[in-house]
Amino acid sequence: MAEEIVTGRQDGVSDDALAAATGKTWAEWFAILDAEGAAAWKHSAIARWLDAHYPLGGWWAQGVTVGYEQARGIRLPGQRQDGSFEASVSKTLPLEQLPALDAVVAALAEELGAPASESRAAKYVTARWAMPVGSLLATIAPSKGGKSSAGLTWQRLGGAEDVAPAKARMQGWLQAAAELG
């Protein structure tokens, strides 16, 4: 099995952070999963096996699973389980939750117009835009100390080659939203 790590999920989580959270590094998880033959399993089977044998919790089990799939060439960076592609970025904004959503909507309005839908009453407020390819979802996590975490996810991209440009474009939008705040 290849030892190289494909650029993707594991690039966002260092070995130190992964080991602190799960007790193992990427290479250790990959060796465990290789020994079990997990490269031939479906995504959900890998995540369930991890959580059953190493109680990681759903988030870490999913993260290790995606990192493994990318490292073994089963899934490309940005690729979803169904084969489609998406890109996500996030940024902490110096605003409470609803003003943060307003700043994100304003930052995107010049280029994308008004969102197709908004949800302002949920725990995580959202706005969604239809895009020429796929859709864009903005999610703002609840405020802490006057700050909010803004996330943009561009869903159903055309292919792997669209992930990096989509991330760059979304990072620009979030930077513009931060400057509005």
N, C-alpha and C. Protein backbone atom coordinates (compact mmCIF):
# COMPACT_ATOMS: atom_id res chain seq x y z
N MET A 1 0.85 -1.18 0.00
CA MET A 1 0.00 0.00 0.00
C MET A 1 0.89 1.23 0.00
N ALA A 2 0.50 2.26 -0.71
CA ALA A 2 1.28 3.49 -0.80
C ALA A 2 1.39 4.15 0.57
N GLU A 3 2.55 4.69 0.88
CA GLU A 3 2.76 5.36 2.15
C GLU A 3 2.55 6.86 2.05
N GLU A 4 2.55 7.42 0.82
CA GLU A 4 2.38 8.85 0.67
C GLU A 4 0.97 9.26 1.05
N ILE A 5 0.88 10.43 1.64
CA ILE A 5 -0.42 10.96 2.00
C ILE A 5 -0.85 11.92 0.90
N VAL A 6 -2.02 11.70 0.35
CA VAL A 6 -2.57 12.56 -0.68
C VAL A 6 -3.03 13.86 -0.03
N THR A 7 -2.76 14.99 -0.65
CA THR A 7 -3.20 16.27 -0.11
C THR A 7 -4.70 16.23 0.07
N GLY A 8 -5.15 16.56 1.24
CA GLY A 8 -6.58 16.54 1.49
C GLY A 8 -6.91 16.68 2.95
N ARG A 9 -7.84 15.89 3.45
CA ARG A 9 -8.38 16.00 4.80
C ARG A 9 -7.29 16.05 5.86
N GLN A 10 -6.31 15.18 5.76
CA GLN A 10 -5.31 15.12 6.81
C GLN A 10 -4.41 16.34 6.83
N ASP A 11 -4.37 17.14 5.74
CA ASP A 11 -3.58 18.35 5.75
C ASP A 11 -4.16 19.39 6.71
N GLY A 12 -5.43 19.29 7.02
CA GLY A 12 -6.07 20.23 7.93
C GLY A 12 -5.91 19.85 9.39
N VAL A 13 -5.49 18.63 9.67
CA VAL A 13 -5.30 18.15 11.04
C VAL A 13 -3.89 17.57 11.13
N SER A 14 -3.05 18.18 11.95
CA SER A 14 -1.68 17.71 12.10
C SER A 14 -1.64 16.38 12.85
N ASP A 15 -0.51 15.68 12.73
CA ASP A 15 -0.32 14.45 13.49
C ASP A 15 -0.47 14.71 14.99
N ASP A 16 0.10 15.84 15.46
CA ASP A 16 0.01 16.15 16.89
C ASP A 16 -1.44 16.35 17.33
N ALA A 17 -2.21 17.10 16.54
CA ALA A 17 -3.61 17.34 16.89
C ALA A 17 -4.42 16.04 16.83
N LEU A 18 -4.16 15.24 15.79
CA LEU A 18 -4.89 13.97 15.66
C LEU A 18 -4.55 13.04 16.82
N ALA A 19 -3.26 12.95 17.16
CA ALA A 19 -2.84 12.08 18.27
C ALA A 19 -3.42 12.57 19.60
N ALA A 20 -3.48 13.88 19.79
CA ALA A 20 -4.06 14.42 21.03
C ALA A 20 -5.55 14.07 21.13
N ALA A 21 -6.24 14.08 20.01
CA ALA A 21 -7.69 13.82 20.02
C ALA A 21 -8.04 12.35 19.97
N THR A 22 -7.22 11.55 19.27
CA THR A 22 -7.58 10.15 19.04
C THR A 22 -6.60 9.13 19.61
N GLY A 23 -5.43 9.62 20.01
CA GLY A 23 -4.42 8.72 20.55
C GLY A 23 -3.50 8.12 19.50
N LYS A 24 -3.69 8.48 18.22
CA LYS A 24 -2.87 7.92 17.14
C LYS A 24 -2.61 8.97 16.07
N THR A 25 -1.49 8.80 15.36
CA THR A 25 -1.15 9.67 14.23
C THR A 25 -1.81 9.14 12.97
N TRP A 26 -1.72 9.92 11.88
CA TRP A 26 -2.26 9.45 10.60
C TRP A 26 -1.64 8.11 10.20
N ALA A 27 -0.31 7.99 10.28
CA ALA A 27 0.35 6.75 9.85
C ALA A 27 -0.12 5.56 10.69
N GLU A 28 -0.34 5.78 11.99
CA GLU A 28 -0.82 4.69 12.84
C GLU A 28 -2.24 4.27 12.46
N TRP A 29 -3.11 5.26 12.21
CA TRP A 29 -4.47 4.91 11.78
C TRP A 29 -4.45 4.18 10.45
N PHE A 30 -3.63 4.67 9.53
CA PHE A 30 -3.57 4.05 8.21
C PHE A 30 -3.07 2.61 8.31
N ALA A 31 -2.08 2.35 9.17
CA ALA A 31 -1.57 0.99 9.34
C ALA A 31 -2.65 0.07 9.93
N ILE A 32 -3.39 0.56 10.90
CA ILE A 32 -4.47 -0.22 11.51
C ILE A 32 -5.53 -0.57 10.45
N LEU A 33 -5.95 0.42 9.70
CA LEU A 33 -6.99 0.19 8.69
C LEU A 33 -6.49 -0.69 7.55
N ASP A 34 -5.23 -0.53 7.14
CA ASP A 34 -4.66 -1.40 6.12
C ASP A 34 -4.65 -2.86 6.59
N ALA A 35 -4.27 -3.06 7.85
CA ALA A 35 -4.21 -4.43 8.40
C ALA A 35 -5.60 -5.09 8.42
N GLU A 36 -6.65 -4.29 8.54
CA GLU A 36 -8.02 -4.80 8.56
C GLU A 36 -8.59 -4.98 7.15
N GLY A 37 -7.86 -4.48 6.14
CA GLY A 37 -8.38 -4.57 4.77
C GLY A 37 -9.42 -3.51 4.46
N ALA A 38 -9.39 -2.40 5.18
CA ALA A 38 -10.42 -1.37 5.06
C ALA A 38 -10.46 -0.68 3.71
N ALA A 39 -9.41 -0.77 2.93
CA ALA A 39 -9.41 -0.13 1.61
C ALA A 39 -10.50 -0.70 0.71
N ALA A 40 -10.97 -1.90 1.02
CA ALA A 40 -12.03 -2.54 0.22
C ALA A 40 -13.43 -2.27 0.80
N TRP A 41 -13.51 -1.56 1.91
CA TRP A 41 -14.79 -1.32 2.57
C TRP A 41 -15.44 -0.04 2.07
N LYS A 42 -16.74 0.07 2.28
CA LYS A 42 -17.46 1.31 2.03
C LYS A 42 -17.14 2.30 3.15
N HIS A 43 -17.32 3.58 2.85
CA HIS A 43 -17.04 4.65 3.81
C HIS A 43 -17.72 4.40 5.15
N SER A 44 -19.01 4.12 5.12
CA SER A 44 -19.76 3.96 6.38
C SER A 44 -19.24 2.78 7.19
N ALA A 45 -18.79 1.72 6.53
CA ALA A 45 -18.25 0.56 7.25
C ALA A 45 -16.95 0.91 7.96
N ILE A 46 -16.11 1.71 7.31
CA ILE A 46 -14.84 2.12 7.95
C ILE A 46 -15.15 2.96 9.19
N ALA A 47 -16.00 3.96 9.04
CA ALA A 47 -16.31 4.85 10.16
C ALA A 47 -16.94 4.07 11.32
N ARG A 48 -17.87 3.16 11.01
CA ARG A 48 -18.51 2.36 12.07
C ARG A 48 -17.49 1.46 12.76
N TRP A 49 -16.60 0.84 11.97
CA TRP A 49 -15.59 -0.04 12.56
C TRP A 49 -14.68 0.76 13.49
N LEU A 50 -14.24 1.93 13.03
CA LEU A 50 -13.38 2.76 13.88
C LEU A 50 -14.06 3.10 15.20
N ASP A 51 -15.30 3.54 15.11
CA ASP A 51 -15.99 3.95 16.32
C ASP A 51 -16.30 2.77 17.23
N ALA A 52 -16.51 1.59 16.67
CA ALA A 52 -16.79 0.40 17.48
C ALA A 52 -15.53 -0.10 18.20
N HIS A 53 -14.38 -0.03 17.51
CA HIS A 53 -13.14 -0.57 18.08
C HIS A 53 -12.30 0.47 18.81
N TYR A 54 -12.47 1.71 18.46
CA TYR A 54 -11.76 2.83 19.07
C TYR A 54 -12.79 3.94 19.24
N PRO A 55 -13.43 4.05 20.37
CA PRO A 55 -14.55 5.00 20.52
C PRO A 55 -14.11 6.45 20.31
N LEU A 56 -14.07 6.83 19.03
CA LEU A 56 -13.59 8.15 18.65
C LEU A 56 -14.69 9.20 18.67
N GLY A 57 -15.93 8.76 18.58
CA GLY A 57 -17.02 9.70 18.35
C GLY A 57 -17.19 9.88 16.84
N GLY A 58 -18.38 10.25 16.43
CA GLY A 58 -18.69 10.33 15.01
C GLY A 58 -17.80 11.27 14.22
N TRP A 59 -17.49 12.46 14.77
CA TRP A 59 -16.72 13.45 14.03
C TRP A 59 -15.32 12.93 13.73
N TRP A 60 -14.62 12.41 14.73
CA TRP A 60 -13.25 11.92 14.51
C TRP A 60 -13.25 10.65 13.68
N ALA A 61 -14.22 9.78 13.86
CA ALA A 61 -14.30 8.57 13.03
C ALA A 61 -14.47 8.95 11.56
N GLN A 62 -15.32 9.93 11.29
CA GLN A 62 -15.50 10.39 9.91
C GLN A 62 -14.22 11.03 9.37
N GLY A 63 -13.56 11.85 10.19
CA GLY A 63 -12.34 12.52 9.76
C GLY A 63 -11.23 11.54 9.43
N VAL A 64 -11.04 10.55 10.29
CA VAL A 64 -10.01 9.53 10.03
C VAL A 64 -10.38 8.73 8.78
N THR A 65 -11.65 8.42 8.63
CA THR A 65 -12.11 7.66 7.46
C THR A 65 -11.84 8.43 6.17
N VAL A 66 -12.20 9.69 6.12
CA VAL A 66 -11.97 10.49 4.91
C VAL A 66 -10.47 10.63 4.64
N GLY A 67 -9.68 10.87 5.68
CA GLY A 67 -8.23 10.96 5.51
C GLY A 67 -7.65 9.67 4.95
N TYR A 68 -8.13 8.54 5.46
CA TYR A 68 -7.68 7.24 4.97
C TYR A 68 -8.07 7.04 3.51
N GLU A 69 -9.32 7.33 3.19
CA GLU A 69 -9.79 7.17 1.81
C GLU A 69 -8.98 8.04 0.84
N GLN A 70 -8.66 9.25 1.25
CA GLN A 70 -7.85 10.12 0.39
C GLN A 70 -6.43 9.59 0.26
N ALA A 71 -5.86 9.15 1.36
CA ALA A 71 -4.48 8.64 1.33
C ALA A 71 -4.34 7.38 0.49
N ARG A 72 -5.40 6.60 0.43
CA ARG A 72 -5.35 5.35 -0.32
C ARG A 72 -5.93 5.49 -1.72
N GLY A 73 -6.25 6.71 -2.13
CA GLY A 73 -6.74 6.94 -3.49
C GLY A 73 -8.17 6.49 -3.72
N ILE A 74 -8.91 6.24 -2.66
CA ILE A 74 -10.30 5.82 -2.76
C ILE A 74 -11.19 7.04 -3.01
N ARG A 75 -10.78 8.17 -2.47
CA ARG A 75 -11.54 9.41 -2.56
C ARG A 75 -10.55 10.55 -2.80
N LEU A 76 -10.88 11.43 -3.71
CA LEU A 76 -10.06 12.61 -3.96
C LEU A 76 -10.38 13.70 -2.95
N PRO A 77 -9.43 14.60 -2.66
CA PRO A 77 -9.75 15.72 -1.78
C PRO A 77 -10.95 16.49 -2.31
N GLY A 78 -11.89 16.78 -1.44
CA GLY A 78 -13.10 17.49 -1.82
C GLY A 78 -14.22 16.59 -2.32
N GLN A 79 -13.93 15.31 -2.50
CA GLN A 79 -14.93 14.39 -3.04
C GLN A 79 -15.81 13.85 -1.92
N ARG A 80 -17.10 13.87 -2.15
CA ARG A 80 -18.07 13.33 -1.21
C ARG A 80 -18.24 11.83 -1.46
N GLN A 81 -18.89 11.18 -0.53
CA GLN A 81 -19.10 9.74 -0.64
C GLN A 81 -19.87 9.38 -1.91
N ASP A 82 -20.78 10.26 -2.35
CA ASP A 82 -21.57 9.97 -3.55
C ASP A 82 -20.82 10.26 -4.85
N GLY A 83 -19.56 10.70 -4.75
CA GLY A 83 -18.74 10.97 -5.93
C GLY A 83 -18.74 12.42 -6.34
N SER A 84 -19.65 13.24 -5.82
CA SER A 84 -19.66 14.66 -6.14
C SER A 84 -18.53 15.36 -5.37
N PHE A 85 -18.31 16.62 -5.70
CA PHE A 85 -17.24 17.38 -5.06
C PHE A 85 -17.80 18.60 -4.36
N GLU A 86 -17.15 18.97 -3.25
CA GLU A 86 -17.52 20.20 -2.56
C GLU A 86 -16.28 20.78 -1.91
N ALA A 87 -16.35 22.07 -1.63
CA ALA A 87 -15.25 22.77 -0.97
C ALA A 87 -15.83 23.57 0.18
N SER A 88 -15.09 23.65 1.28
CA SER A 88 -15.54 24.40 2.44
C SER A 88 -14.42 25.25 2.98
N VAL A 89 -14.78 26.41 3.51
CA VAL A 89 -13.84 27.29 4.21
C VAL A 89 -14.57 27.87 5.41
N SER A 90 -13.81 28.35 6.39
CA SER A 90 -14.43 29.00 7.54
C SER A 90 -13.53 30.12 8.03
N LYS A 91 -14.14 31.04 8.76
CA LYS A 91 -13.41 32.17 9.31
C LYS A 91 -14.19 32.67 10.52
N THR A 92 -13.49 33.06 11.57
CA THR A 92 -14.12 33.67 12.72
C THR A 92 -14.31 35.15 12.43
N LEU A 93 -15.53 35.61 12.58
CA LEU A 93 -15.86 37.01 12.34
C LEU A 93 -16.08 37.71 13.68
N PRO A 94 -15.66 38.97 13.80
CA PRO A 94 -15.80 39.70 15.07
C PRO A 94 -17.21 40.26 15.27
N LEU A 95 -18.20 39.41 15.06
CA LEU A 95 -19.61 39.83 15.11
C LEU A 95 -20.45 38.77 15.80
N GLU A 96 -21.57 39.21 16.37
CA GLU A 96 -22.56 38.27 16.87
C GLU A 96 -23.15 37.52 15.68
N GLN A 97 -23.91 36.47 15.95
CA GLN A 97 -24.37 35.55 14.91
C GLN A 97 -25.17 36.22 13.78
N LEU A 98 -26.25 36.92 14.08
CA LEU A 98 -27.06 37.51 13.01
C LEU A 98 -26.33 38.62 12.26
N PRO A 99 -25.61 39.53 12.94
CA PRO A 99 -24.81 40.50 12.18
C PRO A 99 -23.74 39.82 11.31
N ALA A 100 -23.22 38.68 11.76
CA ALA A 100 -22.24 37.95 10.95
C ALA A 100 -22.90 37.42 9.68
N LEU A 101 -24.11 36.88 9.80
CA LEU A 101 -24.83 36.43 8.61
C LEU A 101 -25.09 37.61 7.67
N ASP A 102 -25.49 38.75 8.23
CA ASP A 102 -25.72 39.94 7.41
C ASP A 102 -24.45 40.35 6.67
N ALA A 103 -23.30 40.28 7.34
CA ALA A 103 -22.02 40.64 6.70
C ALA A 103 -21.67 39.67 5.57
N VAL A 104 -21.91 38.39 5.79
CA VAL A 104 -21.63 37.40 4.74
C VAL A 104 -22.56 37.63 3.55
N VAL A 105 -23.84 37.82 3.83
CA VAL A 105 -24.80 38.07 2.74
C VAL A 105 -24.40 39.32 1.97
N ALA A 106 -24.01 40.39 2.68
CA ALA A 106 -23.60 41.63 2.02
C ALA A 106 -22.34 41.43 1.19
N ALA A 107 -21.39 40.65 1.70
CA ALA A 107 -20.14 40.41 0.98
C ALA A 107 -20.37 39.64 -0.32
N LEU A 108 -21.35 38.75 -0.32
CA LEU A 108 -21.63 37.96 -1.51
C LEU A 108 -22.64 38.62 -2.45
N ALA A 109 -23.40 39.60 -1.94
CA ALA A 109 -24.50 40.18 -2.72
C ALA A 109 -24.06 40.83 -4.02
N GLU A 110 -22.92 41.52 -4.00
CA GLU A 110 -22.50 42.22 -5.21
C GLU A 110 -22.27 41.25 -6.36
N GLU A 111 -21.68 40.11 -6.06
CA GLU A 111 -21.39 39.12 -7.10
C GLU A 111 -22.54 38.14 -7.34
N LEU A 112 -23.22 37.73 -6.26
CA LEU A 112 -24.22 36.67 -6.38
C LEU A 112 -25.66 37.13 -6.22
N GLY A 113 -25.86 38.36 -5.79
CA GLY A 113 -27.22 38.83 -5.53
C GLY A 113 -27.72 38.32 -4.20
N ALA A 114 -28.99 38.47 -3.98
CA ALA A 114 -29.60 38.02 -2.72
C ALA A 114 -29.63 36.50 -2.67
N PRO A 115 -29.53 35.95 -1.47
CA PRO A 115 -29.61 34.49 -1.37
C PRO A 115 -30.98 33.97 -1.79
N ALA A 116 -31.02 32.75 -2.27
CA ALA A 116 -32.29 32.11 -2.65
C ALA A 116 -33.12 31.79 -1.42
N SER A 117 -32.45 31.55 -0.29
CA SER A 117 -33.17 31.27 0.96
C SER A 117 -32.29 31.65 2.14
N GLU A 118 -32.93 31.94 3.26
CA GLU A 118 -32.26 32.21 4.53
C GLU A 118 -33.04 31.55 5.65
N SER A 119 -32.33 31.14 6.67
CA SER A 119 -32.94 30.62 7.89
C SER A 119 -32.29 31.38 9.04
N ARG A 120 -33.05 32.24 9.69
CA ARG A 120 -32.52 33.08 10.76
C ARG A 120 -32.99 32.64 12.14
N ALA A 121 -33.81 31.62 12.23
CA ALA A 121 -34.38 31.22 13.52
C ALA A 121 -33.70 29.97 14.10
N ALA A 122 -32.90 29.28 13.31
CA ALA A 122 -32.26 28.04 13.77
C ALA A 122 -31.03 28.34 14.63
N LYS A 123 -30.53 27.32 15.30
CA LYS A 123 -29.31 27.47 16.11
C LYS A 123 -28.15 27.92 15.22
N TYR A 124 -28.04 27.33 14.03
CA TYR A 124 -27.04 27.72 13.05
C TYR A 124 -27.77 28.44 11.93
N VAL A 125 -27.66 29.76 11.88
CA VAL A 125 -28.35 30.52 10.84
C VAL A 125 -27.66 30.27 9.50
N THR A 126 -28.44 30.29 8.42
CA THR A 126 -27.90 29.95 7.11
C THR A 126 -28.46 30.84 6.02
N ALA A 127 -27.74 30.86 4.91
CA ALA A 127 -28.20 31.47 3.67
C ALA A 127 -27.69 30.58 2.55
N ARG A 128 -28.47 30.46 1.47
CA ARG A 128 -28.09 29.58 0.36
C ARG A 128 -28.28 30.32 -0.96
N TRP A 129 -27.30 30.15 -1.85
CA TRP A 129 -27.34 30.72 -3.19
C TRP A 129 -27.27 29.61 -4.22
N ALA A 130 -28.03 29.73 -5.29
CA ALA A 130 -27.88 28.84 -6.44
C ALA A 130 -26.68 29.36 -7.22
N MET A 131 -25.83 28.46 -7.67
CA MET A 131 -24.63 28.84 -8.40
C MET A 131 -24.73 28.27 -9.82
N PRO A 132 -23.92 28.79 -10.75
CA PRO A 132 -23.94 28.21 -12.10
C PRO A 132 -23.68 26.70 -12.07
N VAL A 133 -22.82 26.28 -11.14
CA VAL A 133 -22.58 24.85 -10.89
C VAL A 133 -22.79 24.65 -9.40
N GLY A 134 -23.76 23.86 -9.02
CA GLY A 134 -23.99 23.54 -7.61
C GLY A 134 -24.68 24.65 -6.86
N SER A 135 -24.45 24.67 -5.54
CA SER A 135 -25.04 25.68 -4.68
C SER A 135 -24.05 26.05 -3.60
N LEU A 136 -24.25 27.22 -3.01
CA LEU A 136 -23.38 27.74 -1.97
C LEU A 136 -24.19 27.89 -0.70
N LEU A 137 -23.69 27.35 0.39
CA LEU A 137 -24.35 27.44 1.68
C LEU A 137 -23.46 28.19 2.65
N ALA A 138 -24.01 29.22 3.28
CA ALA A 138 -23.32 29.94 4.36
C ALA A 138 -23.94 29.50 5.67
N THR A 139 -23.13 29.13 6.64
CA THR A 139 -23.60 28.74 7.96
C THR A 139 -22.85 29.54 9.00
N ILE A 140 -23.56 30.11 9.94
CA ILE A 140 -22.93 30.89 11.01
C ILE A 140 -23.22 30.20 12.33
N ALA A 141 -22.15 29.79 13.01
CA ALA A 141 -22.28 29.10 14.30
C ALA A 141 -22.58 30.12 15.39
N PRO A 142 -23.21 29.68 16.47
CA PRO A 142 -23.55 30.59 17.57
C PRO A 142 -22.35 31.39 18.07
N SER A 143 -22.64 32.58 18.53
CA SER A 143 -21.60 33.51 18.98
C SER A 143 -20.96 33.06 20.29
N LYS A 144 -19.70 33.40 20.42
CA LYS A 144 -18.97 33.21 21.68
C LYS A 144 -18.09 34.44 21.85
N GLY A 145 -18.33 35.17 22.90
CA GLY A 145 -17.51 36.34 23.17
C GLY A 145 -17.60 37.39 22.08
N GLY A 146 -18.77 37.54 21.47
CA GLY A 146 -18.93 38.55 20.44
C GLY A 146 -18.39 38.15 19.09
N LYS A 147 -18.00 36.90 18.94
CA LYS A 147 -17.48 36.40 17.66
C LYS A 147 -18.34 35.25 17.18
N SER A 148 -18.32 35.04 15.87
CA SER A 148 -19.07 33.93 15.28
C SER A 148 -18.20 33.23 14.25
N SER A 149 -18.42 31.95 14.08
CA SER A 149 -17.71 31.17 13.07
C SER A 149 -18.57 31.10 11.82
N ALA A 150 -18.06 31.68 10.74
CA ALA A 150 -18.77 31.67 9.47
C ALA A 150 -18.16 30.60 8.58
N GLY A 151 -19.00 29.76 8.00
CA GLY A 151 -18.55 28.73 7.09
C GLY A 151 -19.26 28.84 5.76
N LEU A 152 -18.52 28.62 4.69
CA LEU A 152 -19.10 28.56 3.35
C LEU A 152 -18.81 27.19 2.79
N THR A 153 -19.81 26.55 2.22
CA THR A 153 -19.66 25.25 1.57
C THR A 153 -20.25 25.34 0.18
N TRP A 154 -19.42 25.07 -0.81
CA TRP A 154 -19.86 25.07 -2.21
C TRP A 154 -20.09 23.62 -2.58
N GLN A 155 -21.35 23.27 -2.76
CA GLN A 155 -21.73 21.88 -2.99
C GLN A 155 -21.90 21.60 -4.47
N ARG A 156 -21.75 20.32 -4.82
CA ARG A 156 -21.96 19.82 -6.18
C ARG A 156 -21.12 20.55 -7.22
N LEU A 157 -19.83 20.70 -6.92
CA LEU A 157 -18.90 21.28 -7.90
C LEU A 157 -18.76 20.32 -9.07
N GLY A 158 -18.27 20.84 -10.19
CA GLY A 158 -18.15 20.03 -11.40
C GLY A 158 -17.14 18.90 -11.32
N GLY A 159 -16.04 19.10 -10.59
CA GLY A 159 -15.01 18.07 -10.50
C GLY A 159 -13.91 18.47 -9.55
N ALA A 160 -12.92 17.61 -9.42
CA ALA A 160 -11.81 17.84 -8.49
C ALA A 160 -11.06 19.12 -8.81
N GLU A 161 -10.97 19.46 -10.10
CA GLU A 161 -10.23 20.66 -10.51
C GLU A 161 -10.92 21.95 -10.07
N ASP A 162 -12.18 21.86 -9.64
CA ASP A 162 -12.93 23.05 -9.22
C ASP A 162 -12.79 23.34 -7.72
N VAL A 163 -12.23 22.41 -6.95
CA VAL A 163 -12.19 22.55 -5.50
C VAL A 163 -11.28 23.71 -5.08
N ALA A 164 -10.04 23.75 -5.53
CA ALA A 164 -9.10 24.80 -5.10
C ALA A 164 -9.58 26.19 -5.52
N PRO A 165 -10.00 26.41 -6.77
CA PRO A 165 -10.50 27.75 -7.12
C PRO A 165 -11.74 28.15 -6.31
N ALA A 166 -12.61 27.19 -6.00
CA ALA A 166 -13.79 27.50 -5.20
C ALA A 166 -13.38 27.92 -3.79
N LYS A 167 -12.40 27.22 -3.21
CA LYS A 167 -11.92 27.59 -1.87
C LYS A 167 -11.34 28.99 -1.88
N ALA A 168 -10.53 29.31 -2.88
CA ALA A 168 -9.93 30.63 -2.95
C ALA A 168 -11.00 31.72 -3.06
N ARG A 169 -11.98 31.48 -3.89
CA ARG A 169 -13.06 32.44 -4.08
C ARG A 169 -13.84 32.64 -2.77
N MET A 170 -14.15 31.55 -2.08
CA MET A 170 -14.89 31.64 -0.83
C MET A 170 -14.08 32.32 0.27
N GLN A 171 -12.77 32.07 0.30
CA GLN A 171 -11.92 32.75 1.28
C GLN A 171 -11.96 34.26 1.07
N GLY A 172 -11.98 34.69 -0.19
CA GLY A 172 -12.09 36.11 -0.49
C GLY A 172 -13.41 36.69 0.01
N TRP A 173 -14.50 35.95 -0.17
CA TRP A 173 -15.80 36.41 0.32
C TRP A 173 -15.81 36.54 1.83
N LEU A 174 -15.24 35.56 2.53
CA LEU A 174 -15.22 35.64 3.99
C LEU A 174 -14.32 36.77 4.47
N GLN A 175 -13.23 37.01 3.76
CA GLN A 175 -12.36 38.14 4.14
C GLN A 175 -13.13 39.45 3.96
N ALA A 176 -13.88 39.56 2.88
CA ALA A 176 -14.70 40.76 2.65
C ALA A 176 -15.74 40.91 3.76
N ALA A 177 -16.35 39.82 4.20
CA ALA A 177 -17.33 39.86 5.29
C ALA A 177 -16.67 40.33 6.58
N ALA A 178 -15.46 39.85 6.84
CA ALA A 178 -14.73 40.28 8.06
C ALA A 178 -14.44 41.78 8.01
N GLU A 179 -14.12 42.28 6.84
CA GLU A 179 -13.83 43.71 6.70
C GLU A 179 -15.07 44.56 6.86
N LEU A 180 -16.25 43.99 6.58
CA LEU A 180 -17.50 44.70 6.79
C LEU A 180 -17.85 44.81 8.27
N GLY A 181 -17.33 43.85 9.06
CA GLY A 181 -17.65 43.78 10.49
C GLY A 181 -16.90 44.72 11.29
